[in-house]
Amino acid sequence: MRPSTPKSPSASKDAVHKGLVAGIAGLSLAGTVAGCAPSTADSTPGTPGAPSAGSSALAGGGAVYKDGTYSADGNYVSPNGTETVGVQLTLAAGTVTDVQITQHPSNPNTRKFQGQFAGGIAAQVVGKNIDGLNVSKVSGSSLTSGGFNQALEKIKAEAQ
């Protein structure tokens, strides 16, 4: 009979490493397969989870928005204090088809920046999916966008 030779510590580490890599690969594969499985929300029209006429389901988040015109005010802080901007969006199939800004300036600087924002916002949002909107700076006005984005969240909630 031949005496057994003890395994070196590095051989033991290699075996653990290989087992760990195989385990991670298995979990990764399981997650991929689960992500490909159909969900119950992928139903035929007329069943719960499917969009109805006059509304749209968006591929990204699955949110459903009713077509129509919605209005909300949003607030933001400027060097002169809290300011408000009014936003009116028209939606069709989850896409913004029109935008109107109602200015509520408290001083000449706010009037200037809200006016610049109102003049350039349509180019940023019309024709875009409402879920993809997050305005940061429009025509040199960066603070007004905070109020716009706040109003946008209110409109999304109302349109669902």
N, C-alpha and C. Protein backbone atom coordinates (compact mmCIF):
# COMPACT_ATOMS: atom_id res chain seq x y z
N MET A 1 0.82 -1.15 0.00
CA MET A 1 0.00 0.00 0.00
C MET A 1 0.88 1.23 0.00
N ARG A 2 0.45 2.19 -0.71
CA ARG A 2 1.21 3.41 -0.86
C ARG A 2 0.70 4.46 0.11
N PRO A 3 1.57 5.16 0.79
CA PRO A 3 1.11 6.19 1.72
C PRO A 3 0.55 7.38 0.94
N SER A 4 -0.51 7.98 1.46
CA SER A 4 -1.11 9.14 0.78
C SER A 4 -0.26 10.37 1.07
N THR A 5 -0.23 11.23 0.09
CA THR A 5 0.54 12.45 0.26
C THR A 5 -0.43 13.56 0.64
N PRO A 6 -0.06 14.35 1.59
CA PRO A 6 -0.97 15.44 1.98
C PRO A 6 -1.07 16.49 0.87
N LYS A 7 -2.29 17.06 0.74
CA LYS A 7 -2.53 18.11 -0.27
C LYS A 7 -1.91 19.40 0.22
N SER A 8 -1.39 20.14 -0.73
CA SER A 8 -0.79 21.42 -0.36
C SER A 8 -1.88 22.44 -0.10
N PRO A 9 -1.63 23.45 0.71
CA PRO A 9 -2.62 24.50 0.98
C PRO A 9 -3.08 25.20 -0.29
N SER A 10 -2.20 25.36 -1.28
CA SER A 10 -2.61 26.06 -2.50
C SER A 10 -3.59 25.22 -3.30
N ALA A 11 -3.45 23.88 -3.27
CA ALA A 11 -4.39 23.03 -3.98
C ALA A 11 -5.77 23.14 -3.35
N SER A 12 -5.82 23.24 -2.04
CA SER A 12 -7.08 23.38 -1.34
C SER A 12 -7.74 24.73 -1.69
N LYS A 13 -6.95 25.79 -1.75
CA LYS A 13 -7.47 27.11 -2.12
C LYS A 13 -8.01 27.11 -3.55
N ASP A 14 -7.32 26.41 -4.46
CA ASP A 14 -7.77 26.33 -5.85
C ASP A 14 -9.13 25.65 -5.94
N ALA A 15 -9.33 24.60 -5.17
CA ALA A 15 -10.60 23.88 -5.18
C ALA A 15 -11.73 24.77 -4.67
N VAL A 16 -11.46 25.53 -3.60
CA VAL A 16 -12.47 26.45 -3.06
C VAL A 16 -12.78 27.53 -4.08
N HIS A 17 -11.75 28.07 -4.71
CA HIS A 17 -11.93 29.13 -5.71
C HIS A 17 -12.80 28.63 -6.87
N LYS A 18 -12.49 27.42 -7.37
CA LYS A 18 -13.27 26.85 -8.48
C LYS A 18 -14.72 26.63 -8.07
N GLY A 19 -14.95 26.18 -6.85
CA GLY A 19 -16.31 25.97 -6.37
C GLY A 19 -17.07 27.29 -6.25
N LEU A 20 -16.39 28.31 -5.78
CA LEU A 20 -17.01 29.62 -5.65
C LEU A 20 -17.38 30.19 -7.01
N VAL A 21 -16.47 30.09 -7.97
CA VAL A 21 -16.74 30.59 -9.32
C VAL A 21 -17.91 29.83 -9.94
N ALA A 22 -17.95 28.53 -9.76
CA ALA A 22 -19.05 27.72 -10.31
C ALA A 22 -20.38 28.12 -9.66
N GLY A 23 -20.36 28.39 -8.37
CA GLY A 23 -21.59 28.80 -7.68
C GLY A 23 -22.10 30.14 -8.16
N ILE A 24 -21.21 31.09 -8.34
CA ILE A 24 -21.61 32.42 -8.84
C ILE A 24 -22.15 32.31 -10.25
N ALA A 25 -21.50 31.51 -11.08
CA ALA A 25 -21.97 31.33 -12.46
C ALA A 25 -23.36 30.72 -12.47
N GLY A 26 -23.61 29.77 -11.58
CA GLY A 26 -24.94 29.15 -11.50
C GLY A 26 -26.01 30.14 -11.09
N LEU A 27 -25.71 30.97 -10.10
CA LEU A 27 -26.67 32.00 -9.68
C LEU A 27 -26.93 33.00 -10.79
N SER A 28 -25.89 33.37 -11.50
CA SER A 28 -26.04 34.31 -12.60
C SER A 28 -26.94 33.74 -13.68
N LEU A 29 -26.75 32.48 -14.00
CA LEU A 29 -27.58 31.82 -15.01
C LEU A 29 -29.03 31.74 -14.55
N ALA A 30 -29.25 31.42 -13.28
CA ALA A 30 -30.61 31.34 -12.74
C ALA A 30 -31.30 32.70 -12.83
N GLY A 31 -30.58 33.77 -12.52
CA GLY A 31 -31.16 35.11 -12.61
C GLY A 31 -31.50 35.49 -14.03
N THR A 32 -30.67 35.10 -14.97
CA THR A 32 -30.93 35.40 -16.39
C THR A 32 -32.17 34.66 -16.87
N VAL A 33 -32.29 33.40 -16.52
CA VAL A 33 -33.44 32.61 -16.93
C VAL A 33 -34.71 33.17 -16.31
N ALA A 34 -34.66 33.55 -15.05
CA ALA A 34 -35.84 34.11 -14.39
C ALA A 34 -36.25 35.43 -15.04
N GLY A 35 -35.28 36.24 -15.48
CA GLY A 35 -35.59 37.51 -16.13
C GLY A 35 -36.25 37.33 -17.48
N CYS A 36 -36.08 36.18 -18.11
CA CYS A 36 -36.67 35.92 -19.42
C CYS A 36 -38.07 35.33 -19.32
N ALA A 37 -38.46 34.89 -18.15
CA ALA A 37 -39.76 34.25 -18.00
C ALA A 37 -40.87 35.27 -18.18
N PRO A 38 -41.98 34.88 -18.84
CA PRO A 38 -43.08 35.82 -19.01
C PRO A 38 -43.74 36.11 -17.67
N SER A 39 -44.21 37.33 -17.51
CA SER A 39 -44.89 37.69 -16.28
C SER A 39 -46.39 37.66 -16.51
N THR A 40 -47.16 37.67 -15.43
CA THR A 40 -48.61 37.66 -15.55
C THR A 40 -49.12 38.99 -16.09
N ALA A 41 -48.31 40.06 -16.04
CA ALA A 41 -48.73 41.35 -16.58
C ALA A 41 -48.69 41.37 -18.10
N ASP A 42 -48.02 40.37 -18.73
CA ASP A 42 -47.95 40.29 -20.18
C ASP A 42 -49.20 39.59 -20.71
N SER A 43 -50.37 40.00 -20.28
CA SER A 43 -51.59 39.33 -20.67
C SER A 43 -52.20 39.92 -21.92
N THR A 44 -53.24 39.32 -22.35
CA THR A 44 -53.96 39.81 -23.52
C THR A 44 -54.83 40.98 -23.12
N PRO A 45 -55.19 41.88 -24.08
CA PRO A 45 -56.02 43.03 -23.75
C PRO A 45 -57.33 42.59 -23.11
N GLY A 46 -57.77 43.42 -22.15
CA GLY A 46 -59.02 43.14 -21.47
C GLY A 46 -58.81 42.40 -20.16
N THR A 47 -57.58 42.00 -19.88
CA THR A 47 -57.30 41.31 -18.62
C THR A 47 -56.56 42.25 -17.71
N PRO A 48 -56.62 42.00 -16.41
CA PRO A 48 -55.90 42.89 -15.49
C PRO A 48 -54.42 42.94 -15.84
N GLY A 49 -53.85 44.13 -15.75
CA GLY A 49 -52.44 44.32 -16.06
C GLY A 49 -52.20 44.76 -17.49
N ALA A 50 -53.20 44.66 -18.36
CA ALA A 50 -53.06 45.08 -19.75
C ALA A 50 -53.64 46.48 -19.90
N PRO A 51 -53.04 47.34 -20.74
CA PRO A 51 -53.58 48.68 -20.91
C PRO A 51 -54.92 48.64 -21.60
N SER A 52 -55.78 49.57 -21.23
CA SER A 52 -57.08 49.66 -21.87
C SER A 52 -57.06 50.77 -22.91
N ALA A 53 -58.12 50.90 -23.67
CA ALA A 53 -58.21 51.96 -24.67
C ALA A 53 -58.09 53.30 -23.97
N GLY A 54 -57.36 54.24 -24.59
CA GLY A 54 -57.19 55.56 -24.02
C GLY A 54 -56.08 55.63 -22.99
N SER A 55 -55.33 54.56 -22.85
CA SER A 55 -54.19 54.58 -21.95
C SER A 55 -53.04 53.85 -22.61
N SER A 56 -51.88 53.94 -22.03
CA SER A 56 -50.73 53.27 -22.62
C SER A 56 -49.85 52.68 -21.55
N ALA A 57 -49.29 51.51 -21.87
CA ALA A 57 -48.30 50.91 -20.98
C ALA A 57 -46.94 51.19 -21.59
N LEU A 58 -46.01 51.60 -20.78
CA LEU A 58 -44.69 51.93 -21.27
C LEU A 58 -43.75 50.77 -21.01
N ALA A 59 -42.95 50.45 -22.00
CA ALA A 59 -42.08 49.29 -21.93
C ALA A 59 -41.10 49.36 -20.76
N GLY A 60 -40.53 50.51 -20.48
CA GLY A 60 -39.51 50.61 -19.45
C GLY A 60 -40.00 50.26 -18.06
N GLY A 61 -40.98 50.99 -17.54
CA GLY A 61 -41.42 50.77 -16.18
C GLY A 61 -42.76 50.12 -16.09
N GLY A 62 -43.46 49.93 -17.21
CA GLY A 62 -44.76 49.31 -17.19
C GLY A 62 -45.85 50.24 -16.68
N ALA A 63 -45.55 51.52 -16.47
CA ALA A 63 -46.56 52.45 -15.98
C ALA A 63 -47.60 52.70 -17.06
N VAL A 64 -48.82 52.90 -16.65
CA VAL A 64 -49.91 53.16 -17.57
C VAL A 64 -50.39 54.59 -17.34
N TYR A 65 -50.46 55.36 -18.43
CA TYR A 65 -50.90 56.74 -18.34
C TYR A 65 -52.12 56.94 -19.23
N LYS A 66 -53.11 57.68 -18.70
CA LYS A 66 -54.30 58.01 -19.48
C LYS A 66 -53.99 59.22 -20.35
N ASP A 67 -54.46 59.17 -21.59
CA ASP A 67 -54.31 60.31 -22.49
C ASP A 67 -55.08 61.49 -21.92
N GLY A 68 -54.56 62.70 -22.14
CA GLY A 68 -55.26 63.89 -21.69
C GLY A 68 -54.30 65.01 -21.38
N THR A 69 -54.84 66.09 -20.85
CA THR A 69 -54.06 67.26 -20.47
C THR A 69 -54.08 67.38 -18.96
N TYR A 70 -52.91 67.53 -18.37
CA TYR A 70 -52.75 67.56 -16.92
C TYR A 70 -51.95 68.78 -16.50
N SER A 71 -52.29 69.33 -15.33
CA SER A 71 -51.60 70.52 -14.82
C SER A 71 -51.17 70.31 -13.38
N ALA A 72 -50.04 70.90 -13.04
CA ALA A 72 -49.56 70.87 -11.65
C ALA A 72 -48.55 72.00 -11.47
N ASP A 73 -48.40 72.43 -10.23
CA ASP A 73 -47.39 73.42 -9.88
C ASP A 73 -46.23 72.71 -9.20
N GLY A 74 -45.04 73.24 -9.42
CA GLY A 74 -43.85 72.73 -8.76
C GLY A 74 -43.10 73.88 -8.11
N ASN A 75 -42.46 73.60 -7.01
CA ASN A 75 -41.70 74.62 -6.28
C ASN A 75 -40.21 74.34 -6.37
N TYR A 76 -39.44 75.40 -6.26
CA TYR A 76 -37.99 75.30 -6.22
C TYR A 76 -37.45 76.48 -5.45
N VAL A 77 -36.23 76.34 -4.98
CA VAL A 77 -35.61 77.40 -4.19
C VAL A 77 -34.61 78.15 -5.05
N SER A 78 -34.77 79.47 -5.08
CA SER A 78 -33.84 80.35 -5.79
C SER A 78 -33.14 81.22 -4.75
N PRO A 79 -32.17 82.02 -5.17
CA PRO A 79 -31.53 82.93 -4.20
C PRO A 79 -32.52 83.91 -3.56
N ASN A 80 -33.67 84.11 -4.19
CA ASN A 80 -34.67 85.03 -3.66
C ASN A 80 -35.74 84.32 -2.83
N GLY A 81 -35.60 83.02 -2.63
CA GLY A 81 -36.59 82.28 -1.84
C GLY A 81 -37.29 81.21 -2.68
N THR A 82 -38.39 80.72 -2.16
CA THR A 82 -39.14 79.66 -2.85
C THR A 82 -39.94 80.25 -4.00
N GLU A 83 -39.83 79.61 -5.16
CA GLU A 83 -40.53 80.05 -6.37
C GLU A 83 -41.45 78.92 -6.83
N THR A 84 -42.43 79.26 -7.65
CA THR A 84 -43.39 78.29 -8.18
C THR A 84 -43.47 78.43 -9.68
N VAL A 85 -43.57 77.30 -10.36
CA VAL A 85 -43.77 77.29 -11.80
C VAL A 85 -44.93 76.33 -12.10
N GLY A 86 -45.80 76.75 -13.00
CA GLY A 86 -46.93 75.91 -13.39
C GLY A 86 -46.61 75.14 -14.66
N VAL A 87 -47.00 73.88 -14.69
CA VAL A 87 -46.72 73.01 -15.83
C VAL A 87 -48.03 72.38 -16.30
N GLN A 88 -48.25 72.45 -17.60
CA GLN A 88 -49.39 71.77 -18.22
C GLN A 88 -48.85 70.87 -19.32
N LEU A 89 -49.11 69.56 -19.22
CA LEU A 89 -48.65 68.59 -20.22
C LEU A 89 -49.84 67.91 -20.85
N THR A 90 -49.74 67.68 -22.15
CA THR A 90 -50.72 66.87 -22.86
C THR A 90 -50.05 65.56 -23.23
N LEU A 91 -50.70 64.44 -22.88
CA LEU A 91 -50.16 63.10 -23.13
C LEU A 91 -51.00 62.34 -24.13
N ALA A 92 -50.35 61.59 -25.00
CA ALA A 92 -51.00 60.66 -25.91
C ALA A 92 -50.10 59.43 -25.99
N ALA A 93 -50.62 58.29 -25.59
CA ALA A 93 -49.87 57.03 -25.61
C ALA A 93 -48.56 57.15 -24.82
N GLY A 94 -48.59 57.87 -23.69
CA GLY A 94 -47.42 58.00 -22.84
C GLY A 94 -46.38 58.99 -23.33
N THR A 95 -46.68 59.67 -24.44
CA THR A 95 -45.76 60.63 -25.03
C THR A 95 -46.29 62.05 -24.83
N VAL A 96 -45.40 62.98 -24.51
CA VAL A 96 -45.78 64.38 -24.34
C VAL A 96 -46.01 64.98 -25.72
N THR A 97 -47.21 65.48 -25.96
CA THR A 97 -47.53 66.10 -27.25
C THR A 97 -47.58 67.62 -27.17
N ASP A 98 -47.66 68.16 -25.94
CA ASP A 98 -47.67 69.61 -25.78
C ASP A 98 -47.26 69.93 -24.34
N VAL A 99 -46.63 71.09 -24.16
CA VAL A 99 -46.26 71.56 -22.84
C VAL A 99 -46.47 73.07 -22.79
N GLN A 100 -47.03 73.53 -21.69
CA GLN A 100 -47.22 74.96 -21.45
C GLN A 100 -46.70 75.27 -20.05
N ILE A 101 -46.04 76.39 -19.91
CA ILE A 101 -45.51 76.82 -18.62
C ILE A 101 -46.24 78.08 -18.19
N THR A 102 -46.72 78.07 -16.95
CA THR A 102 -47.33 79.26 -16.36
C THR A 102 -46.32 79.83 -15.37
N GLN A 103 -45.92 81.05 -15.63
CA GLN A 103 -44.90 81.68 -14.79
C GLN A 103 -45.55 82.32 -13.57
N HIS A 104 -44.89 82.14 -12.43
CA HIS A 104 -45.32 82.75 -11.17
C HIS A 104 -44.12 83.46 -10.54
N PRO A 105 -43.56 84.47 -11.24
CA PRO A 105 -42.34 85.11 -10.71
C PRO A 105 -42.63 85.99 -9.51
N SER A 106 -41.66 86.01 -8.58
CA SER A 106 -41.79 86.88 -7.41
C SER A 106 -40.90 88.11 -7.54
N ASN A 107 -40.05 88.12 -8.59
CA ASN A 107 -39.15 89.26 -8.78
C ASN A 107 -38.65 89.26 -10.24
N PRO A 108 -38.00 90.31 -10.68
CA PRO A 108 -37.55 90.41 -12.07
C PRO A 108 -36.59 89.29 -12.51
N ASN A 109 -35.71 88.86 -11.62
CA ASN A 109 -34.79 87.77 -12.00
C ASN A 109 -35.55 86.47 -12.25
N THR A 110 -36.50 86.18 -11.38
CA THR A 110 -37.30 84.97 -11.55
C THR A 110 -38.09 85.06 -12.85
N ARG A 111 -38.66 86.22 -13.13
CA ARG A 111 -39.41 86.42 -14.37
C ARG A 111 -38.52 86.11 -15.58
N LYS A 112 -37.29 86.60 -15.54
CA LYS A 112 -36.34 86.38 -16.64
C LYS A 112 -36.07 84.88 -16.84
N PHE A 113 -35.70 84.21 -15.75
CA PHE A 113 -35.33 82.80 -15.88
C PHE A 113 -36.52 81.89 -16.19
N GLN A 114 -37.67 82.16 -15.60
CA GLN A 114 -38.86 81.37 -15.95
C GLN A 114 -39.26 81.61 -17.40
N GLY A 115 -39.07 82.83 -17.88
CA GLY A 115 -39.36 83.13 -19.28
C GLY A 115 -38.43 82.37 -20.22
N GLN A 116 -37.14 82.31 -19.89
CA GLN A 116 -36.20 81.55 -20.70
C GLN A 116 -36.57 80.06 -20.68
N PHE A 117 -36.92 79.56 -19.51
CA PHE A 117 -37.30 78.16 -19.37
C PHE A 117 -38.54 77.86 -20.23
N ALA A 118 -39.55 78.72 -20.11
CA ALA A 118 -40.80 78.52 -20.87
C ALA A 118 -40.54 78.53 -22.38
N GLY A 119 -39.58 79.36 -22.82
CA GLY A 119 -39.28 79.45 -24.24
C GLY A 119 -38.53 78.25 -24.80
N GLY A 120 -37.86 77.48 -23.95
CA GLY A 120 -37.06 76.37 -24.44
C GLY A 120 -37.51 74.98 -24.03
N ILE A 121 -38.51 74.88 -23.17
CA ILE A 121 -38.89 73.57 -22.63
C ILE A 121 -39.52 72.65 -23.67
N ALA A 122 -40.30 73.18 -24.60
CA ALA A 122 -40.96 72.33 -25.59
C ALA A 122 -39.95 71.49 -26.37
N ALA A 123 -38.83 72.08 -26.74
CA ALA A 123 -37.80 71.36 -27.49
C ALA A 123 -37.21 70.21 -26.68
N GLN A 124 -37.27 70.30 -25.36
CA GLN A 124 -36.71 69.26 -24.49
C GLN A 124 -37.67 68.10 -24.22
N VAL A 125 -39.00 68.36 -24.27
CA VAL A 125 -39.94 67.33 -23.80
C VAL A 125 -40.97 66.85 -24.82
N VAL A 126 -41.35 67.69 -25.77
CA VAL A 126 -42.39 67.29 -26.72
C VAL A 126 -41.86 66.16 -27.60
N GLY A 127 -42.66 65.11 -27.73
CA GLY A 127 -42.28 63.94 -28.51
C GLY A 127 -41.54 62.89 -27.71
N LYS A 128 -41.34 63.14 -26.42
CA LYS A 128 -40.61 62.21 -25.56
C LYS A 128 -41.57 61.45 -24.64
N ASN A 129 -41.15 60.27 -24.25
CA ASN A 129 -41.89 59.45 -23.31
C ASN A 129 -41.86 60.11 -21.94
N ILE A 130 -42.99 60.20 -21.27
CA ILE A 130 -43.06 60.90 -19.98
C ILE A 130 -42.17 60.26 -18.93
N ASP A 131 -41.99 58.94 -18.97
CA ASP A 131 -41.14 58.28 -17.99
C ASP A 131 -39.66 58.57 -18.20
N GLY A 132 -39.29 59.01 -19.39
CA GLY A 132 -37.88 59.30 -19.66
C GLY A 132 -37.50 60.74 -19.38
N LEU A 133 -38.44 61.55 -18.90
CA LEU A 133 -38.16 62.97 -18.69
C LEU A 133 -37.51 63.23 -17.33
N ASN A 134 -36.46 64.03 -17.36
CA ASN A 134 -35.82 64.58 -16.16
C ASN A 134 -35.03 65.78 -16.64
N VAL A 135 -35.64 66.91 -16.58
CA VAL A 135 -35.05 68.13 -17.12
C VAL A 135 -34.04 68.70 -16.13
N SER A 136 -32.87 69.10 -16.65
CA SER A 136 -31.86 69.67 -15.76
C SER A 136 -31.60 71.15 -16.02
N LYS A 137 -31.46 71.56 -17.26
CA LYS A 137 -31.20 72.96 -17.57
C LYS A 137 -31.82 73.27 -18.93
N VAL A 138 -32.57 74.35 -18.99
CA VAL A 138 -33.22 74.74 -20.23
C VAL A 138 -32.94 76.22 -20.48
N SER A 139 -32.35 76.52 -21.61
CA SER A 139 -32.10 77.90 -22.05
C SER A 139 -31.44 78.76 -20.97
N GLY A 140 -30.47 78.20 -20.26
CA GLY A 140 -29.76 78.95 -19.25
C GLY A 140 -30.43 78.98 -17.89
N SER A 141 -31.60 78.39 -17.76
CA SER A 141 -32.30 78.36 -16.48
C SER A 141 -32.18 76.97 -15.87
N SER A 142 -31.43 76.87 -14.79
CA SER A 142 -31.23 75.56 -14.18
C SER A 142 -32.10 75.33 -12.95
N LEU A 143 -32.47 76.37 -12.23
CA LEU A 143 -33.27 76.19 -11.02
C LEU A 143 -34.73 75.89 -11.33
N THR A 144 -35.28 76.50 -12.37
CA THR A 144 -36.68 76.30 -12.72
C THR A 144 -36.96 74.83 -13.02
N SER A 145 -35.97 74.11 -13.53
CA SER A 145 -36.16 72.70 -13.86
C SER A 145 -36.52 71.87 -12.63
N GLY A 146 -36.05 72.28 -11.45
CA GLY A 146 -36.43 71.57 -10.22
C GLY A 146 -37.92 71.64 -9.97
N GLY A 147 -38.50 72.81 -10.19
CA GLY A 147 -39.96 72.97 -10.06
C GLY A 147 -40.69 72.20 -11.13
N PHE A 148 -40.15 72.21 -12.36
CA PHE A 148 -40.76 71.46 -13.46
C PHE A 148 -40.78 69.97 -13.13
N ASN A 149 -39.65 69.43 -12.67
CA ASN A 149 -39.58 68.00 -12.36
C ASN A 149 -40.52 67.63 -11.22
N GLN A 150 -40.68 68.52 -10.24
CA GLN A 150 -41.62 68.26 -9.15
C GLN A 150 -43.05 68.21 -9.69
N ALA A 151 -43.41 69.16 -10.55
CA ALA A 151 -44.74 69.16 -11.16
C ALA A 151 -44.93 67.93 -12.04
N LEU A 152 -43.89 67.52 -12.74
CA LEU A 152 -43.94 66.34 -13.60
C LEU A 152 -44.31 65.09 -12.80
N GLU A 153 -43.73 64.94 -11.60
CA GLU A 153 -44.05 63.78 -10.76
C GLU A 153 -45.52 63.79 -10.35
N LYS A 154 -46.05 64.96 -10.05
CA LYS A 154 -47.48 65.09 -9.69
C LYS A 154 -48.35 64.71 -10.88
N ILE A 155 -47.95 65.15 -12.07
CA ILE A 155 -48.72 64.85 -13.29
C ILE A 155 -48.69 63.35 -13.58
N LYS A 156 -47.55 62.71 -13.41
CA LYS A 156 -47.45 61.26 -13.62
C LYS A 156 -48.42 60.52 -12.71
N ALA A 157 -48.45 60.93 -11.44
CA ALA A 157 -49.34 60.28 -10.48
C ALA A 157 -50.81 60.48 -10.86
N GLU A 158 -51.14 61.68 -11.30
CA GLU A 158 -52.53 61.98 -11.68
C GLU A 158 -52.94 61.25 -12.95
N ALA A 159 -52.02 61.07 -13.88
CA ALA A 159 -52.34 60.47 -15.19
C ALA A 159 -52.44 58.94 -15.13
N GLN A 160 -52.03 58.35 -14.03
CA GLN A 160 -52.09 56.88 -13.95
C GLN A 160 -53.47 56.38 -13.58
